[in-house]
Amino acid sequence: MKEWRVVATPCNNVCRIDDASGWCVGCLRTLGEIAAWASVDDDERRAVLAELPARREQLRSLRRDRSEESPSP
């Protein structure tokens, strides 16, 4: 009998990699995590999901830093 996975993908169809962080700006996973998602078990999926809130804050910080560095017109 096939085991059903209960941990769903965090993908929200906003698929674009941020150059500075290497994370997808939609789901905050790396390309490697995205590619491996279908083949990893739920424990590994939960481990990735646990990292996403901190990544979201880091990405916000990176964006703030970039906007402060941009010259105003």
Protein backbone atom coordinates (compact mmCIF):
# COMPACT_ATOMS: atom_id res chain seq x y z
CA MET A 1 0.00 0.00 0.00
CA LYS A 2 1.32 3.45 -0.93
CA GLU A 3 1.93 5.90 1.90
CA TRP A 4 0.09 9.20 1.41
CA ARG A 5 1.98 12.37 2.12
CA VAL A 6 0.27 14.80 4.46
CA VAL A 7 2.67 17.76 4.25
CA ALA A 8 1.61 19.89 1.31
CA THR A 9 3.88 22.02 -0.82
CA PRO A 10 4.21 25.68 0.17
CA CYS A 11 4.21 26.65 -3.53
CA ASN A 12 1.85 29.51 -4.28
CA ASN A 13 2.69 29.80 -8.00
CA VAL A 14 4.85 32.90 -7.60
CA CYS A 15 7.92 31.22 -9.02
CA ARG A 16 10.92 33.55 -9.22
CA ILE A 17 14.32 33.06 -7.61
CA ASP A 18 15.74 35.98 -5.65
CA ASP A 19 19.35 36.42 -6.79
CA ALA A 20 20.69 37.52 -3.40
CA SER A 21 19.18 34.73 -1.30
CA GLY A 22 18.71 31.94 -3.83
CA TRP A 23 15.15 31.39 -2.56
CA CYS A 24 11.93 31.42 -4.52
CA VAL A 25 10.16 34.68 -3.63
CA GLY A 26 6.83 32.81 -3.53
CA CYS A 27 7.55 29.77 -1.37
CA LEU A 28 11.01 30.66 -0.01
CA ARG A 29 12.55 27.31 -0.94
CA THR A 30 15.80 26.78 -2.80
CA LEU A 31 15.81 25.22 -6.25
CA GLY A 32 17.17 22.03 -4.70
CA GLU A 33 14.36 21.91 -2.13
CA ILE A 34 11.77 22.53 -4.83
CA ALA A 35 13.21 19.80 -7.05
CA ALA A 36 13.43 17.28 -4.21
CA TRP A 37 10.00 18.01 -2.67
CA ALA A 38 8.17 15.14 -4.37
CA SER A 39 10.74 12.57 -3.28
CA VAL A 40 11.44 13.56 0.34
CA ASP A 41 9.51 12.25 3.32
CA ASP A 42 7.25 14.32 5.53
CA ASP A 43 9.92 14.81 8.20
CA GLU A 44 12.20 16.45 5.63
CA ARG A 45 9.30 18.53 4.35
CA ARG A 46 8.52 19.71 7.87
CA ALA A 47 12.16 20.64 8.37
CA VAL A 48 12.04 22.85 5.26
CA LEU A 49 8.72 24.38 6.32
CA ALA A 50 10.17 25.18 9.75
CA GLU A 51 12.85 27.34 8.10
CA LEU A 52 10.44 29.42 6.02
CA PRO A 53 9.40 32.04 8.62
CA ALA A 54 13.04 32.99 9.27
CA ARG A 55 13.73 33.08 5.54
CA ARG A 56 10.74 35.38 5.04
CA GLU A 57 12.19 37.83 7.57
CA GLN A 58 15.64 37.60 5.97
CA LEU A 59 14.20 38.26 2.52
CA ARG A 60 12.28 41.28 3.84
CA SER A 61 15.49 42.59 5.36
CA LEU A 62 17.37 42.07 2.09
CA ARG A 63 14.65 43.96 0.22
CA ARG A 64 14.76 46.84 2.71
CA ASP A 65 18.54 47.03 2.39
CA ARG A 66 18.29 47.08 -1.41
CA SER A 67 15.66 49.81 -1.40
CA GLU A 68 17.79 51.96 0.92
CA GLU A 69 20.77 51.55 -1.42
CA SER A 70 18.80 52.63 -4.48
CA PRO A 71 19.15 56.31 -5.31
CA SER A 72 15.96 58.35 -5.09
CA PRO A 73 14.87 60.15 -8.28
